[in-house]
Amino acid sequence: MNKLKSWLQTFWREEDGLGTLEILLIVAVLVAIAIIFRKWIVHWFNQLIGNANTDLKDSSVIPCNPASGANCAQ
C-alpha cells in the first residue's frame, strides 16, 4: 500500500508533459468557444464576405491587367 501511495505522489508531482497539457486545454477551450458561438461567427463571416462582394460589384474602378501591356502605374 505504501508503494502505491508513493508512486501516486511521485506521479502527481511530476511535471513532464505539462506544456502539452496546457496547450491541449487551450485548444479545447477555443474549440468550445467556437462551438458555442458558431452561428454568430458564421453570420459575421457571411456578412463580411457579402459586403466585400457588394463593394466589388459596385466599384467603378477598372482592374489593371499588366499582362495586357497596360500601364498600371498610378
Protein backbone atom coordinates (compact mmCIF):
# COMPACT_ATOMS: atom_id res chain seq x y z
CA MET A 1 0.00 0.00 0.00
CA ASN A 2 2.85 2.38 0.81
CA LYS A 3 4.42 1.63 -2.55
CA LEU A 4 1.21 2.62 -4.36
CA LYS A 5 0.88 5.78 -2.29
CA SER A 6 4.49 6.70 -3.00
CA TRP A 7 4.01 6.08 -6.73
CA LEU A 8 0.86 8.24 -6.80
CA GLN A 9 2.63 11.09 -5.00
CA THR A 10 5.56 10.90 -7.41
CA PHE A 11 3.19 10.82 -10.39
CA TRP A 12 1.26 13.83 -9.09
CA ARG A 13 4.42 15.94 -8.59
CA GLU A 14 5.95 15.03 -11.95
CA GLU A 15 5.89 17.95 -14.40
CA ASP A 16 6.92 16.17 -17.60
CA GLY A 17 4.41 16.84 -20.37
CA LEU A 18 2.85 19.77 -18.56
CA GLY A 19 3.33 22.07 -21.56
CA THR A 20 1.45 19.64 -23.78
CA LEU A 21 -1.42 19.50 -21.31
CA GLU A 22 -1.65 23.29 -21.20
CA ILE A 23 -1.77 23.51 -24.98
CA LEU A 24 -4.46 20.83 -25.14
CA LEU A 25 -6.54 22.71 -22.59
CA ILE A 26 -6.20 25.96 -24.55
CA VAL A 27 -7.24 24.20 -27.77
CA ALA A 28 -10.20 22.59 -26.00
CA VAL A 29 -11.37 25.98 -24.71
CA LEU A 30 -11.03 27.55 -28.17
CA VAL A 31 -13.00 24.70 -29.75
CA ALA A 32 -15.71 25.03 -27.09
CA ILE A 33 -15.96 28.79 -27.73
CA ALA A 34 -16.15 28.18 -31.50
CA ILE A 35 -18.94 25.64 -31.00
CA ILE A 36 -20.89 27.91 -28.66
CA PHE A 37 -20.64 30.96 -30.94
CA ARG A 38 -20.64 29.16 -34.31
CA LYS A 39 -23.90 30.68 -35.54
CA TRP A 40 -22.69 34.18 -34.72
CA ILE A 41 -19.29 33.51 -36.31
CA VAL A 42 -20.85 32.08 -39.50
CA HIS A 43 -23.28 35.02 -39.71
CA TRP A 44 -20.45 37.54 -39.23
CA PHE A 45 -18.26 35.80 -41.84
CA ASN A 46 -21.09 35.62 -44.41
CA GLN A 47 -21.90 39.29 -43.81
CA LEU A 48 -18.23 40.20 -44.23
CA ILE A 49 -17.91 38.26 -47.49
CA GLY A 50 -21.26 39.61 -48.72
CA ASN A 51 -20.17 43.19 -48.06
CA ALA A 52 -16.89 42.58 -49.88
CA ASN A 53 -18.72 41.12 -52.89
CA THR A 54 -21.16 44.05 -52.95
CA ASP A 55 -18.30 46.55 -52.76
CA LEU A 56 -16.52 44.82 -55.62
CA LYS A 57 -19.66 44.75 -57.80
CA ASP A 58 -20.47 48.43 -57.08
CA SER A 59 -16.91 49.60 -57.63
CA SER A 60 -16.29 51.77 -60.68
CA VAL A 61 -12.56 51.05 -60.56
CA ILE A 62 -11.33 49.10 -63.56
CA PRO A 63 -8.79 46.48 -62.55
CA CYS A 64 -5.41 46.74 -64.22
CA ASN A 65 -4.04 43.75 -66.07
CA PRO A 66 -0.27 44.16 -66.61
CA ALA A 67 -0.27 41.14 -68.93
CA SER A 68 -2.30 43.13 -71.49
CA GLY A 69 0.50 45.69 -71.79
CA ALA A 70 -1.40 48.42 -69.98
CA ASN A 71 0.47 50.89 -67.82
CA CYS A 72 -0.73 50.16 -64.26
CA ALA A 73 1.30 52.87 -62.51
CA GLN A 74 -0.85 55.50 -60.86
